[in-house]
Amino acid sequence: MVACIRRMVVGHKKWLDDASFRGGIALCRMVPGATAMQSAAFVALVLKVEIYRVVIAGIIVSIILI
């Protein structure tokens, strides 16, 4: 399952680079529980942070332009 997540996140969508994904997987393996579920949560957390950065940047630009 982790291989499928990696293929989609690193290969197809290019949301993360391979080093970041591997670091996240290493962190997920240290925590008890299902690695596949935790790796999906890790990717979602990283993407959520990136989306917030884009939204905040957009708000700042719109305030500056107004």
PDB file of N, CA and C in Angstrom:
ATOM      1  N   MET A   1       0.817  -1.190   0.000  1.00  0.00           N
ATOM      2  CA  MET A   1       0.000   0.000   0.000  1.00  0.00           C
ATOM      3  C   MET A   1       0.865   1.259   0.000  1.00  0.00           C
ATOM      4  N   VAL A   2       1.957   1.243   0.754  1.00  0.00           N
ATOM      5  CA  VAL A   2       2.843   2.405   0.799  1.00  0.00           C
ATOM      6  C   VAL A   2       3.453   2.652  -0.580  1.00  0.00           C
ATOM      7  N   ALA A   3       3.750   1.571  -1.293  1.00  0.00           N
ATOM      8  CA  ALA A   3       4.302   1.707  -2.644  1.00  0.00           C
ATOM      9  C   ALA A   3       3.302   2.396  -3.582  1.00  0.00           C
ATOM     10  N   CYS A   4       2.034   2.084  -3.442  1.00  0.00           N
ATOM     11  CA  CYS A   4       1.001   2.737  -4.258  1.00  0.00           C
ATOM     12  C   CYS A   4       0.903   4.221  -3.924  1.00  0.00           C
ATOM     13  N   ILE A   5       0.957   4.533  -2.636  1.00  0.00           N
ATOM     14  CA  ILE A   5       0.914   5.937  -2.211  1.00  0.00           C
ATOM     15  C   ILE A   5       2.128   6.680  -2.751  1.00  0.00           C
ATOM     16  N   ARG A   6       3.313   6.046  -2.652  1.00  0.00           N
ATOM     17  CA  ARG A   6       4.532   6.668  -3.162  1.00  0.00           C
ATOM     18  C   ARG A   6       4.442   6.910  -4.666  1.00  0.00           C
ATOM     19  N   ARG A   7       3.952   5.911  -5.392  1.00  0.00           N
ATOM     20  CA  ARG A   7       3.833   6.046  -6.844  1.00  0.00           C
ATOM     21  C   ARG A   7       2.952   7.227  -7.219  1.00  0.00           C
ATOM     22  N   MET A   8       1.853   7.402  -6.492  1.00  0.00           N
ATOM     23  CA  MET A   8       0.944   8.494  -6.809  1.00  0.00           C
ATOM     24  C   MET A   8       1.522   9.841  -6.368  1.00  0.00           C
ATOM     25  N   VAL A   9       2.042   9.899  -5.142  1.00  0.00           N
ATOM     26  CA  VAL A   9       2.477  11.179  -4.567  1.00  0.00           C
ATOM     27  C   VAL A   9       3.783  11.668  -5.181  1.00  0.00           C
ATOM     28  N   VAL A  10       4.732  10.757  -5.384  1.00  0.00           N
ATOM     29  CA  VAL A  10       6.046  11.151  -5.906  1.00  0.00           C
ATOM     30  C   VAL A  10       6.081  11.063  -7.430  1.00  0.00           C
ATOM     31  N   GLY A  11       5.518   9.987  -7.978  1.00  0.00           N
ATOM     32  CA  GLY A  11       5.617   9.752  -9.410  1.00  0.00           C
ATOM     33  C   GLY A  11       4.615  10.520 -10.246  1.00  0.00           C
ATOM     34  N   HIS A  12       3.332  10.305  -9.992  1.00  0.00           N
ATOM     35  CA  HIS A  12       2.294  10.878 -10.847  1.00  0.00           C
ATOM     36  C   HIS A  12       1.992  12.339 -10.518  1.00  0.00           C
ATOM     37  N   LYS A  13       1.692  12.617  -9.271  1.00  0.00           N
ATOM     38  CA  LYS A  13       1.262  13.970  -8.897  1.00  0.00           C
ATOM     39  C   LYS A  13       2.425  14.922  -8.639  1.00  0.00           C
ATOM     40  N   LYS A  14       3.587  14.370  -8.278  1.00  0.00           N
ATOM     41  CA  LYS A  14       4.786  15.158  -7.960  1.00  0.00           C
ATOM     42  C   LYS A  14       4.528  16.162  -6.827  1.00  0.00           C
ATOM     43  N   TRP A  15       3.743  15.726  -5.836  1.00  0.00           N
ATOM     44  CA  TRP A  15       3.466  16.572  -4.682  1.00  0.00           C
ATOM     45  C   TRP A  15       4.666  16.657  -3.758  1.00  0.00           C
ATOM     46  N   LEU A  16       5.425  15.553  -3.644  1.00  0.00           N
ATOM     47  CA  LEU A  16       6.617  15.512  -2.794  1.00  0.00           C
ATOM     48  C   LEU A  16       7.772  14.948  -3.596  1.00  0.00           C
ATOM     49  N   ASP A  17       8.992  15.307  -3.205  1.00  0.00           N
ATOM     50  CA  ASP A  17      10.136  14.641  -3.811  1.00  0.00           C
ATOM     51  C   ASP A  17      10.400  13.345  -3.044  1.00  0.00           C
ATOM     52  N   ASP A  18      11.254  12.512  -3.610  1.00  0.00           N
ATOM     53  CA  ASP A  18      11.485  11.188  -3.043  1.00  0.00           C
ATOM     54  C   ASP A  18      12.102  11.265  -1.646  1.00  0.00           C
ATOM     55  N   ALA A  19      13.019  12.198  -1.442  1.00  0.00           N
ATOM     56  CA  ALA A  19      13.674  12.314  -0.126  1.00  0.00           C
ATOM     57  C   ALA A  19      12.673  12.697   0.960  1.00  0.00           C
ATOM     58  N   SER A  20      11.783  13.624   0.669  1.00  0.00           N
ATOM     59  CA  SER A  20      10.770  14.022   1.656  1.00  0.00           C
ATOM     60  C   SER A  20       9.829  12.869   1.972  1.00  0.00           C
ATOM     61  N   PHE A  21       9.436  12.131   0.938  1.00  0.00           N
ATOM     62  CA  PHE A  21       8.540  11.005   1.160  1.00  0.00           C
ATOM     63  C   PHE A  21       9.219   9.933   2.000  1.00  0.00           C
ATOM     64  N   ARG A  22      10.474   9.634   1.696  1.00  0.00           N
ATOM     65  CA  ARG A  22      11.197   8.623   2.462  1.00  0.00           C
ATOM     66  C   ARG A  22      11.373   9.044   3.926  1.00  0.00           C
ATOM     67  N   GLY A  23      11.624  10.322   4.141  1.00  0.00           N
ATOM     68  CA  GLY A  23      11.727  10.819   5.512  1.00  0.00           C
ATOM     69  C   GLY A  23      10.422  10.677   6.263  1.00  0.00           C
ATOM     70  N   GLY A  24       9.326  10.960   5.576  1.00  0.00           N
ATOM     71  CA  GLY A  24       8.013  10.797   6.192  1.00  0.00           C
ATOM     72  C   GLY A  24       7.701   9.344   6.503  1.00  0.00           C
ATOM     73  N   ILE A  25       8.082   8.446   5.606  1.00  0.00           N
ATOM     74  CA  ILE A  25       7.856   7.014   5.833  1.00  0.00           C
ATOM     75  C   ILE A  25       8.696   6.535   7.014  1.00  0.00           C
ATOM     76  N   ALA A  26       9.926   7.007   7.111  1.00  0.00           N
ATOM     77  CA  ALA A  26      10.766   6.625   8.250  1.00  0.00           C
ATOM     78  C   ALA A  26      10.132   7.072   9.562  1.00  0.00           C
ATOM     79  N   LEU A  27       9.580   8.267   9.565  1.00  0.00           N
ATOM     80  CA  LEU A  27       8.891   8.765  10.761  1.00  0.00           C
ATOM     81  C   LEU A  27       7.654   7.924  11.060  1.00  0.00           C
ATOM     82  N   CYS A  28       6.901   7.566  10.030  1.00  0.00           N
ATOM     83  CA  CYS A  28       5.685   6.766  10.213  1.00  0.00           C
ATOM     84  C   CYS A  28       6.001   5.366  10.742  1.00  0.00           C
ATOM     85  N   ARG A  29       7.119   4.813  10.351  1.00  0.00           N
ATOM     86  CA  ARG A  29       7.480   3.468  10.815  1.00  0.00           C
ATOM     87  C   ARG A  29       7.896   3.458  12.282  1.00  0.00           C
ATOM     88  N   MET A  30       8.321   4.596  12.800  1.00  0.00           N
ATOM     89  CA  MET A  30       8.713   4.663  14.212  1.00  0.00           C
ATOM     90  C   MET A  30       7.506   4.732  15.134  1.00  0.00           C
ATOM     91  N   VAL A  31       6.386   5.188  14.617  1.00  0.00           N
ATOM     92  CA  VAL A  31       5.169   5.354  15.413  1.00  0.00           C
ATOM     93  C   VAL A  31       4.346   4.076  15.302  1.00  0.00           C
ATOM     94  N   PRO A  32       3.801   3.576  16.409  1.00  0.00           N
ATOM     95  CA  PRO A  32       2.990   2.359  16.320  1.00  0.00           C
ATOM     96  C   PRO A  32       1.714   2.585  15.501  1.00  0.00           C
ATOM     97  N   GLY A  33       1.344   1.568  14.764  1.00  0.00           N
ATOM     98  CA  GLY A  33       0.128   1.648  13.962  1.00  0.00           C
ATOM     99  C   GLY A  33       0.397   1.270  12.520  1.00  0.00           C
ATOM    100  N   ALA A  34      -0.618   1.435  11.700  1.00  0.00           N
ATOM    101  CA  ALA A  34      -0.522   1.067  10.283  1.00  0.00           C
ATOM    102  C   ALA A  34       0.289   2.112   9.522  1.00  0.00           C
ATOM    103  N   THR A  35       1.370   1.672   8.904  1.00  0.00           N
ATOM    104  CA  THR A  35       2.260   2.599   8.198  1.00  0.00           C
ATOM    105  C   THR A  35       1.564   3.238   7.002  1.00  0.00           C
ATOM    106  N   ALA A  36       0.735   2.491   6.294  1.00  0.00           N
ATOM    107  CA  ALA A  36       0.049   3.043   5.125  1.00  0.00           C
ATOM    108  C   ALA A  36      -0.881   4.180   5.518  1.00  0.00           C
ATOM    109  N   MET A  37      -1.629   3.985   6.583  1.00  0.00           N
ATOM    110  CA  MET A  37      -2.540   5.032   7.032  1.00  0.00           C
ATOM    111  C   MET A  37      -1.771   6.262   7.492  1.00  0.00           C
ATOM    112  N   GLN A  38      -0.692   6.033   8.228  1.00  0.00           N
ATOM    113  CA  GLN A  38       0.098   7.151   8.724  1.00  0.00           C
ATOM    114  C   GLN A  38       0.810   7.880   7.590  1.00  0.00           C
ATOM    115  N   SER A  39       1.254   7.146   6.571  1.00  0.00           N
ATOM    116  CA  SER A  39       1.910   7.811   5.451  1.00  0.00           C
ATOM    117  C   SER A  39       0.912   8.651   4.661  1.00  0.00           C
ATOM    118  N   ALA A  40      -0.313   8.187   4.519  1.00  0.00           N
ATOM    119  CA  ALA A  40      -1.348   8.991   3.864  1.00  0.00           C
ATOM    120  C   ALA A  40      -1.643  10.244   4.681  1.00  0.00           C
ATOM    121  N   ALA A  41      -1.687  10.109   5.997  1.00  0.00           N
ATOM    122  CA  ALA A  41      -1.906  11.270   6.865  1.00  0.00           C
ATOM    123  C   ALA A  41      -0.730  12.241   6.778  1.00  0.00           C
ATOM    124  N   PHE A  42       0.501  11.717   6.683  1.00  0.00           N
ATOM    125  CA  PHE A  42       1.680  12.566   6.539  1.00  0.00           C
ATOM    126  C   PHE A  42       1.602  13.383   5.251  1.00  0.00           C
ATOM    127  N   VAL A  43       1.252  12.738   4.149  1.00  0.00           N
ATOM    128  CA  VAL A  43       1.137  13.446   2.872  1.00  0.00           C
ATOM    129  C   VAL A  43       0.055  14.518   2.962  1.00  0.00           C
ATOM    130  N   ALA A  44      -1.078  14.183   3.560  1.00  0.00           N
ATOM    131  CA  ALA A  44      -2.163  15.154   3.707  1.00  0.00           C
ATOM    132  C   ALA A  44      -1.714  16.339   4.551  1.00  0.00           C
ATOM    133  N   LEU A  45      -0.968  16.077   5.602  1.00  0.00           N
ATOM    134  CA  LEU A  45      -0.480  17.165   6.458  1.00  0.00           C
ATOM    135  C   LEU A  45       0.473  18.067   5.696  1.00  0.00           C
ATOM    136  N   VAL A  46       1.379  17.493   4.948  1.00  0.00           N
ATOM    137  CA  VAL A  46       2.336  18.292   4.177  1.00  0.00           C
ATOM    138  C   VAL A  46       1.599  19.113   3.125  1.00  0.00           C
ATOM    139  N   LEU A  47       0.651  18.513   2.421  1.00  0.00           N
ATOM    140  CA  LEU A  47      -0.085  19.244   1.397  1.00  0.00           C
ATOM    141  C   LEU A  47      -0.960  20.320   2.000  1.00  0.00           C
ATOM    142  N   LYS A  48      -1.526  20.049   3.155  1.00  0.00           N
ATOM    143  CA  LYS A  48      -2.364  21.042   3.820  1.00  0.00           C
ATOM    144  C   LYS A  48      -1.537  22.263   4.186  1.00  0.00           C
ATOM    145  N   VAL A  49      -0.340  22.055   4.664  1.00  0.00           N
ATOM    146  CA  VAL A  49       0.545  23.172   4.990  1.00  0.00           C
ATOM    147  C   VAL A  49       0.848  23.964   3.728  1.00  0.00           C
ATOM    148  N   GLU A  50       1.113  23.292   2.623  1.00  0.00           N
ATOM    149  CA  GLU A  50       1.410  23.980   1.370  1.00  0.00           C
ATOM    150  C   GLU A  50       0.193  24.763   0.880  1.00  0.00           C
ATOM    151  N   ILE A  51      -1.002  24.176   1.001  1.00  0.00           N
ATOM    152  CA  ILE A  51      -2.210  24.870   0.561  1.00  0.00           C
ATOM    153  C   ILE A  51      -2.434  26.115   1.413  1.00  0.00           C
ATOM    154  N   TYR A  52      -2.219  26.008   2.725  1.00  0.00           N
ATOM    155  CA  TYR A  52      -2.359  27.184   3.581  1.00  0.00           C
ATOM    156  C   TYR A  52      -1.379  28.275   3.181  1.00  0.00           C
ATOM    157  N   ARG A  53      -0.164  27.904   2.813  1.00  0.00           N
ATOM    158  CA  ARG A  53       0.803  28.912   2.373  1.00  0.00           C
ATOM    159  C   ARG A  53       0.305  29.639   1.131  1.00  0.00           C
ATOM    160  N   VAL A  54      -0.264  28.901   0.190  1.00  0.00           N
ATOM    161  CA  VAL A  54      -0.779  29.512  -1.036  1.00  0.00           C
ATOM    162  C   VAL A  54      -1.952  30.421  -0.720  1.00  0.00           C
ATOM    163  N   VAL A  55      -2.863  29.966   0.140  1.00  0.00           N
ATOM    164  CA  VAL A  55      -4.031  30.776   0.500  1.00  0.00           C
ATOM    165  C   VAL A  55      -3.598  32.049   1.216  1.00  0.00           C
ATOM    166  N   ILE A  56      -2.684  31.936   2.164  1.00  0.00           N
ATOM    167  CA  ILE A  56      -2.206  33.113   2.895  1.00  0.00           C
ATOM    168  C   ILE A  56      -1.510  34.077   1.948  1.00  0.00           C
ATOM    169  N   ALA A  57      -0.696  33.570   1.047  1.00  0.00           N
ATOM    170  CA  ALA A  57      -0.022  34.433   0.071  1.00  0.00           C
ATOM    171  C   ALA A  57      -1.047  35.150  -0.805  1.00  0.00           C
ATOM    172  N   GLY A  58      -2.091  34.434  -1.204  1.00  0.00           N
ATOM    173  CA  GLY A  58      -3.145  35.057  -2.004  1.00  0.00           C
ATOM    174  C   GLY A  58      -3.873  36.146  -1.251  1.00  0.00           C
ATOM    175  N   ILE A  59      -4.146  35.920   0.030  1.00  0.00           N
ATOM    176  CA  ILE A  59      -4.811  36.940   0.853  1.00  0.00           C
ATOM    177  C   ILE A  59      -3.927  38.173   0.995  1.00  0.00           C
ATOM    178  N   ILE A  60      -2.650  37.960   1.244  1.00  0.00           N
ATOM    179  CA  ILE A  60      -1.721  39.089   1.398  1.00  0.00           C
ATOM    180  C   ILE A  60      -1.641  39.890   0.104  1.00  0.00           C
ATOM    181  N   VAL A  61      -1.544  39.199  -1.021  1.00  0.00           N
ATOM    182  CA  VAL A  61      -1.469  39.907  -2.309  1.00  0.00           C
ATOM    183  C   VAL A  61      -2.761  40.670  -2.562  1.00  0.00           C
ATOM    184  N   SER A  62      -3.914  40.067  -2.257  1.00  0.00           N
ATOM    185  CA  SER A  62      -5.168  40.769  -2.495  1.00  0.00           C
ATOM    186  C   SER A  62      -5.315  41.983  -1.584  1.00  0.00           C
ATOM    187  N   ILE A  63      -4.808  41.896  -0.346  1.00  0.00           N
ATOM    188  CA  ILE A  63      -4.860  43.060   0.557  1.00  0.00           C
ATOM    189  C   ILE A  63      -3.952  44.166   0.035  1.00  0.00           C
ATOM    190  N   ILE A  64      -2.789  43.795  -0.455  1.00  0.00           N
ATOM    191  CA  ILE A  64      -1.860  44.792  -0.974  1.00  0.00           C
ATOM    192  C   ILE A  64      -2.447  45.486  -2.208  1.00  0.00           C
ATOM    193  N   LEU A  65      -3.131  44.725  -3.062  1.00  0.00           N
ATOM    194  CA  LEU A  65      -3.686  45.286  -4.283  1.00  0.00           C
ATOM    195  C   LEU A  65      -4.917  46.148  -4.043  1.00  0.00           C
ATOM    196  N   ILE A  66      -5.572  45.945  -2.911  1.00  0.00           N
ATOM    197  CA  ILE A  66      -6.799  46.718  -2.617  1.00  0.00           C
ATOM    198  C   ILE A  66      -6.427  48.022  -2.049  1.00  0.00           C
TER     199      ILE A  66
END
